[in-house]
PDB file of N, CA and C in Angstrom:
ATOM      1  N   MET A   1      13.141 -48.719 -12.835  1.00  0.00           N
ATOM      2  CA  MET A   1      13.217 -48.931 -14.269  1.00  0.00           C
ATOM      3  C   MET A   1      14.973 -48.734 -14.744  1.00  0.00           C
ATOM      4  N   GLU A   2      15.307 -48.764 -15.193  1.00  0.00           N
ATOM      5  CA  GLU A   2      16.348 -48.829 -15.965  1.00  0.00           C
ATOM      6  C   GLU A   2      17.125 -47.702 -16.853  1.00  0.00           C
ATOM      7  N   ASP A   3      18.173 -46.931 -16.444  1.00  0.00           N
ATOM      8  CA  ASP A   3      18.455 -46.195 -17.331  1.00  0.00           C
ATOM      9  C   ASP A   3      18.093 -45.144 -16.944  1.00  0.00           C
ATOM     10  N   GLN A   4      17.819 -44.944 -15.266  1.00  0.00           N
ATOM     11  CA  GLN A   4      17.519 -43.645 -14.239  1.00  0.00           C
ATOM     12  C   GLN A   4      18.616 -43.032 -14.193  1.00  0.00           C
ATOM     13  N   VAL A   5      18.530 -42.342 -13.726  1.00  0.00           N
ATOM     14  CA  VAL A   5      19.921 -41.294 -13.123  1.00  0.00           C
ATOM     15  C   VAL A   5      19.149 -41.011 -11.843  1.00  0.00           C
ATOM     16  N   ASP A   6      20.484 -41.820 -10.523  1.00  0.00           N
ATOM     17  CA  ASP A   6      20.054 -41.827  -9.545  1.00  0.00           C
ATOM     18  C   ASP A   6      19.448 -40.592  -8.804  1.00  0.00           C
ATOM     19  N   GLU A   7      18.650 -40.966  -7.931  1.00  0.00           N
ATOM     20  CA  GLU A   7      17.905 -39.902  -7.500  1.00  0.00           C
ATOM     21  C   GLU A   7      18.887 -38.614  -6.597  1.00  0.00           C
ATOM     22  N   ASN A   8      20.216 -38.823  -5.256  1.00  0.00           N
ATOM     23  CA  ASN A   8      20.700 -38.072  -5.603  1.00  0.00           C
ATOM     24  C   ASN A   8      21.768 -36.938  -6.096  1.00  0.00           C
ATOM     25  N   VAL A   9      21.724 -38.026  -7.547  1.00  0.00           N
ATOM     26  CA  VAL A   9      22.251 -37.074  -7.990  1.00  0.00           C
ATOM     27  C   VAL A   9      21.610 -35.742  -9.020  1.00  0.00           C
ATOM     28  N   LYS A  10      20.465 -36.752  -9.162  1.00  0.00           N
ATOM     29  CA  LYS A  10      19.284 -35.419  -9.872  1.00  0.00           C
ATOM     30  C   LYS A  10      19.212 -34.105  -8.300  1.00  0.00           C
ATOM     31  N   ASN A  11      18.758 -34.667  -7.101  1.00  0.00           N
ATOM     32  CA  ASN A  11      18.623 -33.539  -6.306  1.00  0.00           C
ATOM     33  C   ASN A  11      20.049 -32.700  -6.111  1.00  0.00           C
ATOM     34  N   GLU A  12      21.521 -33.581  -7.074  1.00  0.00           N
ATOM     35  CA  GLU A  12      22.120 -32.409  -7.010  1.00  0.00           C
ATOM     36  C   GLU A  12      22.470 -31.668  -7.464  1.00  0.00           C
ATOM     37  N   ARG A  13      22.431 -32.306  -8.542  1.00  0.00           N
ATOM     38  CA  ARG A  13      21.738 -31.492 -10.468  1.00  0.00           C
ATOM     39  C   ARG A  13      21.487 -29.919  -9.948  1.00  0.00           C
ATOM     40  N   VAL A  14      20.136 -30.293  -9.454  1.00  0.00           N
ATOM     41  CA  VAL A  14      18.571 -29.032  -9.187  1.00  0.00           C
ATOM     42  C   VAL A  14      19.310 -28.036  -7.715  1.00  0.00           C
ATOM     43  N   HIS A  15      19.842 -28.706  -7.660  1.00  0.00           N
ATOM     44  CA  HIS A  15      20.863 -27.758  -6.055  1.00  0.00           C
ATOM     45  C   HIS A  15      21.759 -26.614  -7.290  1.00  0.00           C
ATOM     46  N   ARG A  16      22.339 -27.209  -7.535  1.00  0.00           N
ATOM     47  CA  ARG A  16      23.498 -26.569  -8.233  1.00  0.00           C
ATOM     48  C   ARG A  16      22.739 -25.300  -9.816  1.00  0.00           C
ATOM     49  N   LEU A  17      21.713 -26.876 -10.213  1.00  0.00           N
ATOM     50  CA  LEU A  17      21.072 -25.071 -11.076  1.00  0.00           C
ATOM     51  C   LEU A  17      20.698 -24.223  -9.928  1.00  0.00           C
ATOM     52  N   ILE A  18      19.933 -24.121  -9.645  1.00  0.00           N
ATOM     53  CA  ILE A  18      19.311 -23.082  -8.744  1.00  0.00           C
ATOM     54  C   ILE A  18      20.438 -21.832  -7.903  1.00  0.00           C
ATOM     55  N   ALA A  19      21.630 -22.578  -7.156  1.00  0.00           N
ATOM     56  CA  ALA A  19      22.609 -21.847  -7.434  1.00  0.00           C
ATOM     57  C   ALA A  19      22.910 -21.098  -8.780  1.00  0.00           C
ATOM     58  N   LEU A  20      22.993 -22.085  -9.337  1.00  0.00           N
ATOM     59  CA  LEU A  20      23.960 -20.833 -10.840  1.00  0.00           C
ATOM     60  C   LEU A  20      23.000 -19.652 -11.539  1.00  0.00           C
ATOM     61  N   SER A  21      21.334 -20.367 -11.492  1.00  0.00           N
ATOM     62  CA  SER A  21      19.974 -19.515 -11.828  1.00  0.00           C
ATOM     63  C   SER A  21      20.320 -18.359 -10.407  1.00  0.00           C
ATOM     64  N   ASP A  22      20.517 -17.966  -8.958  1.00  0.00           N
ATOM     65  CA  ASP A  22      20.460 -17.382  -7.553  1.00  0.00           C
ATOM     66  C   ASP A  22      21.401 -16.492  -8.449  1.00  0.00           C
ATOM     67  N   GLN A  23      22.736 -16.501  -8.199  1.00  0.00           N
ATOM     68  CA  GLN A  23      24.236 -16.289  -9.000  1.00  0.00           C
ATOM     69  C   GLN A  23      24.671 -15.226 -10.827  1.00  0.00           C
ATOM     70  N   LEU A  24      23.770 -15.958 -11.517  1.00  0.00           N
ATOM     71  CA  LEU A  24      23.442 -15.887 -12.611  1.00  0.00           C
ATOM     72  C   LEU A  24      22.594 -13.889 -12.375  1.00  0.00           C
ATOM     73  N   ALA A  25      21.409 -14.136 -11.904  1.00  0.00           N
ATOM     74  CA  ALA A  25      20.524 -13.416 -11.279  1.00  0.00           C
ATOM     75  C   ALA A  25      20.659 -11.836 -10.622  1.00  0.00           C
ATOM     76  N   LYS A  26      21.668 -12.262  -9.502  1.00  0.00           N
ATOM     77  CA  LYS A  26      22.898 -11.078  -8.713  1.00  0.00           C
ATOM     78  C   LYS A  26      23.440 -10.360 -10.099  1.00  0.00           C
ATOM     79  N   GLU A  27      24.370 -11.507 -10.613  1.00  0.00           N
ATOM     80  CA  GLU A  27      25.162 -10.480 -11.744  1.00  0.00           C
ATOM     81  C   GLU A  27      23.949  -9.648 -12.530  1.00  0.00           C
ATOM     82  N   TYR A  28      23.031 -10.285 -12.996  1.00  0.00           N
ATOM     83  CA  TYR A  28      22.547  -8.613 -13.459  1.00  0.00           C
ATOM     84  C   TYR A  28      21.607  -7.841 -13.512  1.00  0.00           C
ATOM     85  N   ALA A  29      21.329  -7.668 -11.857  1.00  0.00           N
ATOM     86  CA  ALA A  29      20.975  -6.965 -11.201  1.00  0.00           C
ATOM     87  C   ALA A  29      22.120  -5.970 -10.888  1.00  0.00           C
ATOM     88  N   SER A  30      23.633  -6.901 -10.892  1.00  0.00           N
ATOM     89  CA  SER A  30      24.801  -5.027 -10.794  1.00  0.00           C
ATOM     90  C   SER A  30      24.927  -4.811 -11.274  1.00  0.00           C
ATOM     91  N   ALA A  31      24.393  -4.935 -12.387  1.00  0.00           N
ATOM     92  CA  ALA A  31      25.107  -4.134 -13.814  1.00  0.00           C
ATOM     93  C   ALA A  31      23.777  -2.880 -13.530  1.00  0.00           C
ATOM     94  N   TYR A  32      22.538  -2.669 -12.634  1.00  0.00           N
ATOM     95  CA  TYR A  32      22.526  -1.581 -12.832  1.00  0.00           C
ATOM     96  C   TYR A  32      21.669  -1.160 -11.023  1.00  0.00           C
ATOM     97  N   GLU A  33      23.237  -1.939 -10.538  1.00  0.00           N
ATOM     98  CA  GLU A  33      23.395  -0.595  -8.790  1.00  0.00           C
ATOM     99  C   GLU A  33      23.986   0.894  -9.526  1.00  0.00           C
ATOM    100  N   GLY A  34      22.826   1.700  -9.008  1.00  0.00           N
ATOM    101  CA  GLY A  34      23.348   2.655  -8.972  1.00  0.00           C
ATOM    102  C   GLY A  34      22.510   4.190  -9.888  1.00  0.00           C
ATOM    103  N   ASP A  35      22.008   2.430 -10.630  1.00  0.00           N
ATOM    104  CA  ASP A  35      20.601   3.490 -11.608  1.00  0.00           C
ATOM    105  C   ASP A  35      19.508   3.678 -10.823  1.00  0.00           C
ATOM    106  N   VAL A  36      19.347   4.234 -11.682  1.00  0.00           N
ATOM    107  CA  VAL A  36      17.526   5.162 -11.024  1.00  0.00           C
ATOM    108  C   VAL A  36      16.583   4.301 -12.090  1.00  0.00           C
ATOM    109  N   LEU A  37      15.513   3.584 -11.841  1.00  0.00           N
ATOM    110  CA  LEU A  37      14.877   2.535 -12.623  1.00  0.00           C
ATOM    111  C   LEU A  37      13.291   3.033 -12.249  1.00  0.00           C
ATOM    112  N   GLU A  38      12.761   3.157 -13.167  1.00  0.00           N
ATOM    113  CA  GLU A  38      10.993   3.144 -12.868  1.00  0.00           C
ATOM    114  C   GLU A  38      10.769   2.145 -12.430  1.00  0.00           C
ATOM    115  N   ILE A  39       9.772   1.792 -11.389  1.00  0.00           N
ATOM    116  CA  ILE A  39       9.510   0.444 -10.562  1.00  0.00           C
ATOM    117  C   ILE A  39       7.302   1.051 -10.276  1.00  0.00           C
ATOM    118  N   ILE A  40       6.682   0.150 -10.158  1.00  0.00           N
ATOM    119  CA  ILE A  40       5.431  -0.097  -9.516  1.00  0.00           C
ATOM    120  C   ILE A  40       4.925  -0.759  -9.001  1.00  0.00           C
ATOM    121  N   PRO A  41       5.419  -0.558  -7.260  1.00  0.00           N
ATOM    122  CA  PRO A  41       5.767  -0.477  -6.043  1.00  0.00           C
ATOM    123  C   PRO A  41       3.778  -1.730  -5.935  1.00  0.00           C
ATOM    124  N   GLU A  42       3.835  -2.783  -4.864  1.00  0.00           N
ATOM    125  CA  GLU A  42       3.229  -4.080  -5.404  1.00  0.00           C
ATOM    126  C   GLU A  42       2.262  -4.224  -3.784  1.00  0.00           C
ATOM    127  N   GLU A  43       3.319  -3.830  -3.138  1.00  0.00           N
ATOM    128  CA  GLU A  43       2.389  -4.035  -1.692  1.00  0.00           C
ATOM    129  C   GLU A  43       3.755  -3.665  -1.167  1.00  0.00           C
ATOM    130  N   SER A  44       3.449  -4.240   0.408  1.00  0.00           N
ATOM    131  CA  SER A  44       3.802  -3.763   1.649  1.00  0.00           C
ATOM    132  C   SER A  44       4.853  -4.523   1.608  1.00  0.00           C
ATOM    133  N   PHE A  45       6.647  -4.501   2.096  1.00  0.00           N
ATOM    134  CA  PHE A  45       7.123  -6.244   1.955  1.00  0.00           C
ATOM    135  C   PHE A  45       7.348  -6.583   4.141  1.00  0.00           C
ATOM    136  N   LYS A  46       7.023  -7.984   3.871  1.00  0.00           N
ATOM    137  CA  LYS A  46       6.275  -8.850   4.577  1.00  0.00           C
ATOM    138  C   LYS A  46       7.898  -9.258   5.330  1.00  0.00           C
ATOM    139  N   GLU A  47       8.968  -9.099   4.556  1.00  0.00           N
ATOM    140  CA  GLU A  47       9.960 -10.526   5.622  1.00  0.00           C
ATOM    141  C   GLU A  47      10.394  -9.853   6.285  1.00  0.00           C
ATOM    142  N   GLN A  48      10.683  -8.524   6.069  1.00  0.00           N
ATOM    143  CA  GLN A  48      11.306  -7.883   7.391  1.00  0.00           C
ATOM    144  C   GLN A  48      10.666  -7.098   8.453  1.00  0.00           C
ATOM    145  N   GLU A  49      10.404  -8.002   9.040  1.00  0.00           N
ATOM    146  CA  GLU A  49       9.333  -7.241  10.799  1.00  0.00           C
ATOM    147  C   GLU A  49      10.476  -6.248  10.915  1.00  0.00           C
ATOM    148  N   GLY A  50       8.885  -5.316  11.789  1.00  0.00           N
ATOM    149  CA  GLY A  50       9.698  -3.518  12.126  1.00  0.00           C
ATOM    150  C   GLY A  50       9.528  -2.425  11.481  1.00  0.00           C
ATOM    151  N   ASN A  51       9.808  -2.632  10.188  1.00  0.00           N
ATOM    152  CA  ASN A  51       9.760  -1.362   9.289  1.00  0.00           C
ATOM    153  C   ASN A  51       8.883  -1.933   8.597  1.00  0.00           C
ATOM    154  N   HIS A  52       8.076  -0.768   9.122  1.00  0.00           N
ATOM    155  CA  HIS A  52       6.416  -1.451   8.338  1.00  0.00           C
ATOM    156  C   HIS A  52       6.123  -0.126   6.819  1.00  0.00           C
ATOM    157  N   ASN A  53       7.572   0.468   7.193  1.00  0.00           N
ATOM    158  CA  ASN A  53       7.984   1.207   5.554  1.00  0.00           C
ATOM    159  C   ASN A  53       8.502   1.178   4.390  1.00  0.00           C
ATOM    160  N   LEU A  54       8.175  -0.103   4.038  1.00  0.00           N
ATOM    161  CA  LEU A  54       9.390  -1.269   2.911  1.00  0.00           C
ATOM    162  C   LEU A  54       7.979  -1.439   2.079  1.00  0.00           C
ATOM    163  N   TYR A  55       8.495  -1.014   0.985  1.00  0.00           N
ATOM    164  CA  TYR A  55       7.454  -1.389  -0.154  1.00  0.00           C
ATOM    165  C   TYR A  55       7.756  -2.637  -1.529  1.00  0.00           C
ATOM    166  N   VAL A  56       7.531  -2.939  -1.934  1.00  0.00           N
ATOM    167  CA  VAL A  56       8.466  -3.998  -2.850  1.00  0.00           C
ATOM    168  C   VAL A  56       7.968  -3.733  -3.508  1.00  0.00           C
ATOM    169  N   GLY A  57       8.739  -3.320  -4.824  1.00  0.00           N
ATOM    170  CA  GLY A  57       7.598  -3.647  -6.857  1.00  0.00           C
ATOM    171  C   GLY A  57       8.874  -4.375  -7.536  1.00  0.00           C
ATOM    172  N   TYR A  58       8.227  -4.705  -9.016  1.00  0.00           N
ATOM    173  CA  TYR A  58       9.088  -4.414  -9.885  1.00  0.00           C
ATOM    174  C   TYR A  58       9.621  -4.095 -11.027  1.00  0.00           C
ATOM    175  N   THR A  59      10.084  -3.654 -11.924  1.00  0.00           N
ATOM    176  CA  THR A  59      11.177  -2.812 -11.847  1.00  0.00           C
ATOM    177  C   THR A  59      10.143  -3.563 -13.891  1.00  0.00           C
ATOM    178  N   ASP A  60      10.890  -3.172 -15.189  1.00  0.00           N
ATOM    179  CA  ASP A  60      10.346  -2.919 -16.127  1.00  0.00           C
ATOM    180  C   ASP A  60      10.819  -4.538 -16.413  1.00  0.00           C
ATOM    181  N   ASN A  61      12.003  -4.967 -16.149  1.00  0.00           N
ATOM    182  CA  ASN A  61      12.794  -5.595 -16.858  1.00  0.00           C
ATOM    183  C   ASN A  61      12.701  -7.123 -15.389  1.00  0.00           C
ATOM    184  N   TYR A  62      11.332  -7.255 -14.419  1.00  0.00           N
ATOM    185  CA  TYR A  62      11.230  -7.765 -13.666  1.00  0.00           C
ATOM    186  C   TYR A  62      11.878  -7.852 -12.520  1.00  0.00           C
ATOM    187  N   MET A  63      12.555  -7.280 -12.367  1.00  0.00           N
ATOM    188  CA  MET A  63      14.268  -7.325 -10.989  1.00  0.00           C
ATOM    189  C   MET A  63      12.910  -6.440  -9.701  1.00  0.00           C
ATOM    190  N   LYS A  64      12.753  -7.272  -8.928  1.00  0.00           N
ATOM    191  CA  LYS A  64      12.338  -7.320  -7.914  1.00  0.00           C
ATOM    192  C   LYS A  64      13.325  -6.253  -6.711  1.00  0.00           C
ATOM    193  N   VAL A  65      12.156  -5.351  -6.028  1.00  0.00           N
ATOM    194  CA  VAL A  65      13.120  -3.808  -5.431  1.00  0.00           C
ATOM    195  C   VAL A  65      11.759  -3.147  -4.148  1.00  0.00           C
ATOM    196  N   VAL A  66      13.919  -3.635  -3.511  1.00  0.00           N
ATOM    197  CA  VAL A  66      12.439  -2.961  -1.666  1.00  0.00           C
ATOM    198  C   VAL A  66      12.873  -1.443  -1.904  1.00  0.00           C
ATOM    199  N   PHE A  67      12.119  -1.062  -0.229  1.00  0.00           N
ATOM    200  CA  PHE A  67      13.071   0.155  -0.890  1.00  0.00           C
ATOM    201  C   PHE A  67      11.762   0.924   0.522  1.00  0.00           C
ATOM    202  N   GLU A  68      12.088   1.716   0.859  1.00  0.00           N
ATOM    203  CA  GLU A  68      11.219   2.698   1.401  1.00  0.00           C
ATOM    204  C   GLU A  68      10.222   3.948   1.261  1.00  0.00           C
ATOM    205  N   GLY A  69       8.810   3.431   1.846  1.00  0.00           N
ATOM    206  CA  GLY A  69       8.221   4.422   0.922  1.00  0.00           C
ATOM    207  C   GLY A  69       6.666   5.003   1.689  1.00  0.00           C
ATOM    208  N   THR A  70       5.708   5.224   1.064  1.00  0.00           N
ATOM    209  CA  THR A  70       4.312   5.536   1.772  1.00  0.00           C
ATOM    210  C   THR A  70       3.161   4.277   1.334  1.00  0.00           C
ATOM    211  N   GLU A  71       2.192   3.586   1.415  1.00  0.00           N
ATOM    212  CA  GLU A  71       1.072   3.265   1.178  1.00  0.00           C
ATOM    213  C   GLU A  71       0.581   3.576  -0.379  1.00  0.00           C
ATOM    214  N   ASP A  72       0.263   5.207  -0.851  1.00  0.00           N
ATOM    215  CA  ASP A  72       0.307   5.967  -1.542  1.00  0.00           C
ATOM    216  C   ASP A  72       0.822   5.703  -2.498  1.00  0.00           C
ATOM    217  N   MET A  73       2.399   4.939  -2.583  1.00  0.00           N
ATOM    218  CA  MET A  73       2.407   4.901  -3.171  1.00  0.00           C
ATOM    219  C   MET A  73       2.386   3.721  -4.076  1.00  0.00           C
ATOM    220  N   ILE A  74       1.910   2.941  -4.262  1.00  0.00           N
ATOM    221  CA  ILE A  74       0.827   1.372  -3.933  1.00  0.00           C
ATOM    222  C   ILE A  74       0.982   1.481  -5.457  1.00  0.00           C
ATOM    223  N   GLY A  75       0.766   1.142  -6.668  1.00  0.00           N
ATOM    224  CA  GLY A  75      -0.102   1.276  -7.637  1.00  0.00           C
ATOM    225  C   GLY A  75       0.725   2.036  -9.111  1.00  0.00           C
ATOM    226  N   ARG A  76       1.839   3.185  -8.451  1.00  0.00           N
ATOM    227  CA  ARG A  76       1.726   4.168  -8.940  1.00  0.00           C
ATOM    228  C   ARG A  76       2.862   3.891  -9.325  1.00  0.00           C
ATOM    229  N   LEU A  77       3.716   4.443 -10.861  1.00  0.00           N
ATOM    230  CA  LEU A  77       5.077   4.373 -11.086  1.00  0.00           C
ATOM    231  C   LEU A  77       6.145   5.746 -10.424  1.00  0.00           C
ATOM    232  N   VAL A  78       7.512   5.133  -9.709  1.00  0.00           N
ATOM    233  CA  VAL A  78       7.486   5.215  -8.791  1.00  0.00           C
ATOM    234  C   VAL A  78       9.517   5.420  -9.963  1.00  0.00           C
ATOM    235  N   LYS A  79       9.945   6.619  -9.616  1.00  0.00           N
ATOM    236  CA  LYS A  79      11.825   6.065  -9.267  1.00  0.00           C
ATOM    237  C   LYS A  79      12.327   6.006  -8.481  1.00  0.00           C
ATOM    238  N   VAL A  80      13.211   4.587  -8.589  1.00  0.00           N
ATOM    239  CA  VAL A  80      13.532   4.331  -7.470  1.00  0.00           C
ATOM    240  C   VAL A  80      15.670   4.130  -7.816  1.00  0.00           C
ATOM    241  N   LYS A  81      16.331   4.625  -7.000  1.00  0.00           N
ATOM    242  CA  LYS A  81      17.774   4.232  -7.078  1.00  0.00           C
ATOM    243  C   LYS A  81      18.548   2.217  -6.683  1.00  0.00           C
ATOM    244  N   ILE A  82      18.613   2.372  -7.302  1.00  0.00           N
ATOM    245  CA  ILE A  82      19.277   0.464  -6.706  1.00  0.00           C
ATOM    246  C   ILE A  82      20.162   0.774  -5.976  1.00  0.00           C
ATOM    247  N   THR A  83      20.376   0.536  -5.072  1.00  0.00           N
ATOM    248  CA  THR A  83      21.636   0.879  -3.815  1.00  0.00           C
ATOM    249  C   THR A  83      22.033  -0.231  -3.354  1.00  0.00           C
ATOM    250  N   LYS A  84      21.725  -1.415  -3.545  1.00  0.00           N
ATOM    251  CA  LYS A  84      22.186  -3.055  -3.546  1.00  0.00           C
ATOM    252  C   LYS A  84      22.078  -3.963  -4.115  1.00  0.00           C
ATOM    253  N   ALA A  85      22.782  -3.923  -5.254  1.00  0.00           N
ATOM    254  CA  ALA A  85      21.876  -5.456  -5.792  1.00  0.00           C
ATOM    255  C   ALA A  85      21.847  -6.972  -5.026  1.00  0.00           C
ATOM    256  N   GLY A  86      20.479  -7.645  -5.869  1.00  0.00           N
ATOM    257  CA  GLY A  86      20.705  -8.924  -4.855  1.00  0.00           C
ATOM    258  C   GLY A  86      19.504 -10.022  -4.756  1.00  0.00           C
ATOM    259  N   TYR A  87      19.919 -11.043  -4.934  1.00  0.00           N
ATOM    260  CA  TYR A  87      18.387 -11.905  -5.287  1.00  0.00           C
ATOM    261  C   TYR A  87      17.909 -12.566  -4.153  1.00  0.00           C
ATOM    262  N   PRO A  88      17.015 -12.909  -3.303  1.00  0.00           N
ATOM    263  CA  PRO A  88      15.796 -12.397  -4.156  1.00  0.00           C
ATOM    264  C   PRO A  88      15.253 -11.240  -4.614  1.00  0.00           C
ATOM    265  N   TYR A  89      16.083 -10.283  -4.226  1.00  0.00           N
ATOM    266  CA  TYR A  89      15.877  -8.743  -4.085  1.00  0.00           C
ATOM    267  C   TYR A  89      16.849  -7.528  -4.284  1.00  0.00           C
ATOM    268  N   ASN A  90      16.102  -6.722  -4.838  1.00  0.00           N
ATOM    269  CA  ASN A  90      17.646  -5.424  -4.931  1.00  0.00           C
ATOM    270  C   ASN A  90      17.387  -4.493  -3.666  1.00  0.00           C
ATOM    271  N   GLU A  91      17.681  -3.999  -2.914  1.00  0.00           N
ATOM    272  CA  GLU A  91      17.257  -2.834  -2.076  1.00  0.00           C
ATOM    273  C   GLU A  91      17.617  -1.191  -2.555  1.00  0.00           C
ATOM    274  N   GLY A  92      16.802  -0.797  -2.662  1.00  0.00           N
ATOM    275  CA  GLY A  92      16.820   0.988  -3.562  1.00  0.00           C
ATOM    276  C   GLY A  92      16.711   2.210  -2.829  1.00  0.00           C
ATOM    277  N   GLN A  93      16.490   2.903  -3.128  1.00  0.00           N
ATOM    278  CA  GLN A  93      15.638   4.317  -2.449  1.00  0.00           C
ATOM    279  C   GLN A  93      15.416   5.086  -3.288  1.00  0.00           C
ATOM    280  N   PHE A  94      14.029   5.956  -2.686  1.00  0.00           N
ATOM    281  CA  PHE A  94      13.051   6.231  -3.245  1.00  0.00           C
ATOM    282  C   PHE A  94      13.038   7.125  -3.906  1.00  0.00           C
ATOM    283  N   VAL A  95      13.237   7.801  -5.621  1.00  0.00           N
ATOM    284  CA  VAL A  95      13.566   8.928  -5.815  1.00  0.00           C
ATOM    285  C   VAL A  95      11.846  10.084  -6.086  1.00  0.00           C
ATOM    286  N   ARG A  96      11.359   9.869  -6.495  1.00  0.00           N
ATOM    287  CA  ARG A  96      10.434  10.763  -6.907  1.00  0.00           C
ATOM    288  C   ARG A  96       9.090   9.370  -7.869  1.00  0.00           C
ATOM    289  N   ILE A  97       8.432  10.540  -7.173  1.00  0.00           N
ATOM    290  CA  ILE A  97       6.961   9.663  -8.005  1.00  0.00           C
ATOM    291  C   ILE A  97       6.633  10.315  -9.105  1.00  0.00           C
ATOM    292  N   SER A  98       6.791   9.502 -10.367  1.00  0.00           N
ATOM    293  CA  SER A  98       6.953   9.421 -12.401  1.00  0.00           C
ATOM    294  C   SER A  98       5.550   9.850 -12.363  1.00  0.00           C
ATOM    295  N   ASP A  99       4.182   9.460 -12.116  1.00  0.00           N
ATOM    296  CA  ASP A  99       3.270   9.917 -12.154  1.00  0.00           C
ATOM    297  C   ASP A  99       2.774  10.987 -12.610  1.00  0.00           C
ATOM    298  N   ASP A 100       3.758  12.353 -11.503  1.00  0.00           N
ATOM    299  CA  ASP A 100       2.995  13.474 -10.840  1.00  0.00           C
ATOM    300  C   ASP A 100       4.067  14.353 -11.773  1.00  0.00           C
ATOM    301  N   VAL A 101       4.078  13.708 -13.904  1.00  0.00           N
ATOM    302  CA  VAL A 101       5.117  14.850 -14.487  1.00  0.00           C
ATOM    303  C   VAL A 101       2.954  15.697 -15.323  1.00  0.00           C
ATOM    304  N   GLN A 102       3.312  16.633 -15.091  1.00  0.00           N
ATOM    305  CA  GLN A 102       2.411  16.965 -16.019  1.00  0.00           C
ATOM    306  C   GLN A 102       2.176  17.042 -16.691  1.00  0.00           C
ATOM    307  N   PRO A 103       1.331  17.017 -17.873  1.00  0.00           N
ATOM    308  CA  PRO A 103       1.814  16.554 -19.711  1.00  0.00           C
ATOM    309  C   PRO A 103       1.355  18.146 -19.562  1.00  0.00           C
ATOM    310  N   ASP A 104       1.307  19.458 -19.442  1.00  0.00           N
ATOM    311  CA  ASP A 104       2.153  20.470 -20.191  1.00  0.00           C
ATOM    312  C   ASP A 104       3.658  21.171 -19.755  1.00  0.00           C
ATOM    313  N   LYS A 105       4.041  19.770 -19.307  1.00  0.00           N
ATOM    314  CA  LYS A 105       5.650  20.224 -18.833  1.00  0.00           C
ATOM    315  C   LYS A 105       6.557  18.863 -19.444  1.00  0.00           C
ATOM    316  N   VAL A 106       5.819  17.777 -20.414  1.00  0.00           N
ATOM    317  CA  VAL A 106       6.121  17.397 -21.015  1.00  0.00           C
ATOM    318  C   VAL A 106       6.632  17.762 -22.542  1.00  0.00           C
ATOM    319  N   ARG A 107       7.732  17.554 -23.291  1.00  0.00           N
ATOM    320  CA  ARG A 107       7.951  18.613 -24.390  1.00  0.00           C
ATOM    321  C   ARG A 107       7.900  16.962 -25.368  1.00  0.00           C
ATOM    322  N   MET A 108       6.503  16.852 -26.691  1.00  0.00           N
ATOM    323  CA  MET A 108       6.650  16.398 -27.573  1.00  0.00           C
ATOM    324  C   MET A 108       7.637  16.750 -28.440  1.00  0.00           C
ATOM    325  N   THR A 109       8.209  15.213 -29.241  1.00  0.00           N
ATOM    326  CA  THR A 109       9.299  15.921 -30.448  1.00  0.00           C
ATOM    327  C   THR A 109       8.805  15.024 -31.724  1.00  0.00           C
ATOM    328  N   SER A 110       9.205  14.932 -32.595  1.00  0.00           N
ATOM    329  CA  SER A 110       8.936  14.101 -33.400  1.00  0.00           C
ATOM    330  C   SER A 110      10.260  13.274 -34.409  1.00  0.00           C
TER     331      SER A 110
END
């Protein structure tokens, strides 16, 4: 078919766009480095062998974060400090479990 972009050119463009997307995601995440964010751990982190205490979850703005924790944290809201921004995931340090806040300790304002 005429007027088609060469396959090699298409592949080159796709790879450049993927690299740009990765770079922009890392730049976005770097704005949160040092911040404490709420995360819901979803599962153990399987990409790094040997460390069974790593878990992965997402922030409310869909940043993927890996941090050291325990299995009972899965599905709970936890606070994690972002220690190293990256892509496809960020590294964090567990701070505390957020959903342990007692209702009588929360002050409501109008």
